[in-house]
Amino acid sequence: MPDVTVKLADGVREVTVEISGADDALSRAEETAIRLYETAVASSTGGPRAGFSGWALNSDTERSPEEA
């Protein structure tokens, strides 16, 4: 079981780093996650983002009384 788990995500990419048995596990995990994330961003295409970034969490749709 890891001592520290660090996750970085931006909605498209996600980096997870787990480190065990280090004196400075948190700082090492953070540094490694940032380095891996920067590599993933630099190597990815600049195309449009996939996902639901333009969607709202709530709905503006009204139901008719028959559906309620």
N, C-alpha and C. Protein backbone atom coordinates (compact mmCIF):
# COMPACT_ATOMS: atom_id res chain seq x y z
N MET A 1 0.84 -1.17 0.00
CA MET A 1 0.00 0.00 0.00
C MET A 1 0.89 1.24 0.00
N PRO A 2 0.60 2.20 -0.89
CA PRO A 2 1.46 3.39 -0.96
C PRO A 2 1.30 4.29 0.25
N ASP A 3 2.38 4.99 0.56
CA ASP A 3 2.34 5.98 1.64
C ASP A 3 1.61 7.24 1.18
N VAL A 4 1.81 7.61 -0.11
CA VAL A 4 1.25 8.84 -0.65
C VAL A 4 0.73 8.58 -2.05
N THR A 5 -0.45 9.13 -2.36
CA THR A 5 -0.99 9.10 -3.71
C THR A 5 -1.32 10.52 -4.11
N VAL A 6 -0.81 10.95 -5.26
CA VAL A 6 -1.07 12.30 -5.78
C VAL A 6 -1.71 12.15 -7.14
N LYS A 7 -2.83 12.87 -7.36
CA LYS A 7 -3.52 12.86 -8.65
C LYS A 7 -3.59 14.28 -9.19
N LEU A 8 -3.30 14.41 -10.49
CA LEU A 8 -3.47 15.67 -11.20
C LEU A 8 -4.36 15.39 -12.40
N ALA A 9 -5.36 16.23 -12.63
CA ALA A 9 -6.26 16.04 -13.77
C ALA A 9 -6.76 17.39 -14.25
N ASP A 10 -7.03 17.46 -15.55
CA ASP A 10 -7.57 18.68 -16.12
C ASP A 10 -8.82 18.43 -16.95
N GLY A 11 -9.42 17.27 -16.81
CA GLY A 11 -10.61 16.93 -17.57
C GLY A 11 -10.32 16.13 -18.82
N VAL A 12 -9.07 16.17 -19.29
CA VAL A 12 -8.66 15.39 -20.45
C VAL A 12 -7.60 14.39 -20.04
N ARG A 13 -6.61 14.86 -19.31
CA ARG A 13 -5.51 14.01 -18.87
C ARG A 13 -5.57 13.82 -17.37
N GLU A 14 -5.12 12.66 -16.93
CA GLU A 14 -5.03 12.40 -15.49
C GLU A 14 -3.73 11.67 -15.21
N VAL A 15 -2.99 12.14 -14.20
CA VAL A 15 -1.74 11.52 -13.79
C VAL A 15 -1.89 11.12 -12.33
N THR A 16 -1.57 9.87 -12.03
CA THR A 16 -1.60 9.38 -10.65
C THR A 16 -0.22 8.84 -10.30
N VAL A 17 0.33 9.30 -9.19
CA VAL A 17 1.64 8.85 -8.73
C VAL A 17 1.48 8.32 -7.31
N GLU A 18 1.99 7.12 -7.08
CA GLU A 18 1.98 6.52 -5.75
C GLU A 18 3.42 6.24 -5.33
N ILE A 19 3.79 6.64 -4.13
CA ILE A 19 5.15 6.44 -3.63
C ILE A 19 5.07 5.83 -2.24
N SER A 20 5.94 4.85 -2.00
CA SER A 20 6.02 4.19 -0.70
C SER A 20 7.45 4.22 -0.19
N GLY A 21 7.59 4.26 1.10
CA GLY A 21 8.87 4.07 1.74
C GLY A 21 9.88 5.18 1.56
N ALA A 22 9.45 6.39 1.32
CA ALA A 22 10.37 7.51 1.18
C ALA A 22 10.18 8.47 2.34
N ASP A 23 11.27 9.10 2.75
CA ASP A 23 11.18 10.08 3.84
C ASP A 23 10.38 11.30 3.43
N ASP A 24 10.57 11.72 2.20
CA ASP A 24 9.87 12.90 1.68
C ASP A 24 8.89 12.47 0.59
N ALA A 25 8.04 11.49 0.90
CA ALA A 25 7.16 10.88 -0.10
C ALA A 25 6.22 11.89 -0.75
N LEU A 26 5.66 12.80 0.02
CA LEU A 26 4.71 13.76 -0.54
C LEU A 26 5.38 14.68 -1.55
N SER A 27 6.51 15.26 -1.20
CA SER A 27 7.18 16.18 -2.13
C SER A 27 7.67 15.43 -3.37
N ARG A 28 8.17 14.21 -3.21
CA ARG A 28 8.61 13.42 -4.37
C ARG A 28 7.43 13.08 -5.27
N ALA A 29 6.30 12.71 -4.69
CA ALA A 29 5.12 12.37 -5.49
C ALA A 29 4.60 13.59 -6.23
N GLU A 30 4.56 14.74 -5.56
CA GLU A 30 4.11 15.98 -6.21
C GLU A 30 5.01 16.36 -7.37
N GLU A 31 6.32 16.33 -7.15
CA GLU A 31 7.28 16.68 -8.20
C GLU A 31 7.16 15.74 -9.39
N THR A 32 7.02 14.46 -9.12
CA THR A 32 6.91 13.47 -10.19
C THR A 32 5.61 13.64 -10.97
N ALA A 33 4.50 13.87 -10.26
CA ALA A 33 3.21 14.06 -10.92
C ALA A 33 3.23 15.30 -11.81
N ILE A 34 3.81 16.38 -11.34
CA ILE A 34 3.90 17.60 -12.14
C ILE A 34 4.76 17.37 -13.37
N ARG A 35 5.88 16.69 -13.20
CA ARG A 35 6.76 16.40 -14.34
C ARG A 35 6.06 15.54 -15.38
N LEU A 36 5.35 14.50 -14.94
CA LEU A 36 4.62 13.64 -15.87
C LEU A 36 3.47 14.38 -16.54
N TYR A 37 2.78 15.21 -15.79
CA TYR A 37 1.67 15.99 -16.35
C TYR A 37 2.18 16.96 -17.41
N GLU A 38 3.27 17.66 -17.12
CA GLU A 38 3.85 18.58 -18.10
C GLU A 38 4.27 17.86 -19.37
N THR A 39 4.81 16.65 -19.24
CA THR A 39 5.17 15.85 -20.41
C THR A 39 3.93 15.47 -21.21
N ALA A 40 2.87 15.07 -20.52
CA ALA A 40 1.63 14.70 -21.21
C ALA A 40 1.03 15.90 -21.94
N VAL A 41 1.05 17.08 -21.33
CA VAL A 41 0.51 18.28 -21.97
C VAL A 41 1.35 18.65 -23.19
N ALA A 42 2.67 18.58 -23.06
CA ALA A 42 3.55 18.96 -24.15
C ALA A 42 3.44 18.01 -25.33
N SER A 43 3.13 16.75 -25.09
CA SER A 43 3.09 15.77 -26.17
C SER A 43 1.70 15.57 -26.75
N SER A 44 0.68 16.22 -26.18
CA SER A 44 -0.67 16.04 -26.69
C SER A 44 -0.95 17.05 -27.79
N THR A 45 -1.92 16.73 -28.62
CA THR A 45 -2.28 17.62 -29.72
C THR A 45 -3.05 18.82 -29.18
N GLY A 46 -3.07 19.87 -29.95
CA GLY A 46 -3.75 21.09 -29.52
C GLY A 46 -5.18 21.16 -30.01
N GLY A 47 -5.75 20.02 -30.39
CA GLY A 47 -7.11 19.99 -30.91
C GLY A 47 -8.14 20.31 -29.87
N PRO A 48 -9.40 20.31 -30.27
CA PRO A 48 -10.47 20.61 -29.32
C PRO A 48 -10.54 19.56 -28.22
N ARG A 49 -10.95 20.01 -27.07
CA ARG A 49 -11.06 19.10 -25.92
C ARG A 49 -12.30 18.23 -26.06
N ALA A 50 -12.15 17.02 -25.67
CA ALA A 50 -13.29 16.10 -25.65
C ALA A 50 -13.97 16.20 -24.30
N GLY A 51 -15.18 15.73 -24.24
CA GLY A 51 -15.86 15.69 -22.95
C GLY A 51 -17.09 16.56 -22.91
N PHE A 52 -17.45 16.93 -21.73
CA PHE A 52 -18.70 17.64 -21.49
C PHE A 52 -18.45 19.03 -20.94
N SER A 53 -17.38 19.68 -21.37
CA SER A 53 -17.01 20.98 -20.78
C SER A 53 -18.08 22.05 -20.99
N GLY A 54 -18.87 21.95 -22.05
CA GLY A 54 -19.89 22.95 -22.30
C GLY A 54 -21.25 22.60 -21.70
N TRP A 55 -21.34 21.49 -21.03
CA TRP A 55 -22.62 21.05 -20.47
C TRP A 55 -22.80 21.60 -19.07
N ALA A 56 -24.03 21.87 -18.72
CA ALA A 56 -24.35 22.31 -17.36
C ALA A 56 -24.71 21.10 -16.51
N LEU A 57 -24.44 21.19 -15.23
CA LEU A 57 -24.78 20.10 -14.33
C LEU A 57 -26.28 20.04 -14.05
N ASN A 58 -26.93 21.18 -14.13
CA ASN A 58 -28.37 21.18 -13.91
C ASN A 58 -29.07 21.24 -15.26
N SER A 59 -30.34 21.05 -15.29
CA SER A 59 -31.10 21.04 -16.53
C SER A 59 -32.06 22.21 -16.56
N ASP A 60 -32.14 22.85 -17.73
CA ASP A 60 -33.08 23.95 -17.91
C ASP A 60 -34.37 23.47 -18.58
N THR A 61 -34.47 22.19 -18.84
CA THR A 61 -35.62 21.64 -19.54
C THR A 61 -36.82 21.58 -18.60
N GLU A 62 -37.95 22.03 -19.08
CA GLU A 62 -39.17 21.96 -18.29
C GLU A 62 -39.97 20.74 -18.71
N ARG A 63 -40.58 20.09 -17.75
CA ARG A 63 -41.43 18.93 -18.03
C ARG A 63 -42.88 19.37 -18.13
N SER A 64 -43.59 18.69 -18.98
CA SER A 64 -45.02 18.97 -19.04
C SER A 64 -45.69 18.34 -17.83
N PRO A 65 -46.85 18.84 -17.42
CA PRO A 65 -47.55 18.30 -16.26
C PRO A 65 -47.85 16.80 -16.40
N GLU A 66 -48.02 16.31 -17.63
CA GLU A 66 -48.31 14.89 -17.83
C GLU A 66 -47.13 14.00 -17.48
N GLU A 67 -45.89 14.53 -17.61
CA GLU A 67 -44.70 13.73 -17.33
C GLU A 67 -44.36 13.67 -15.85
N ALA A 68 -44.82 14.63 -15.08
CA ALA A 68 -44.46 14.71 -13.67
C ALA A 68 -45.09 13.65 -12.82
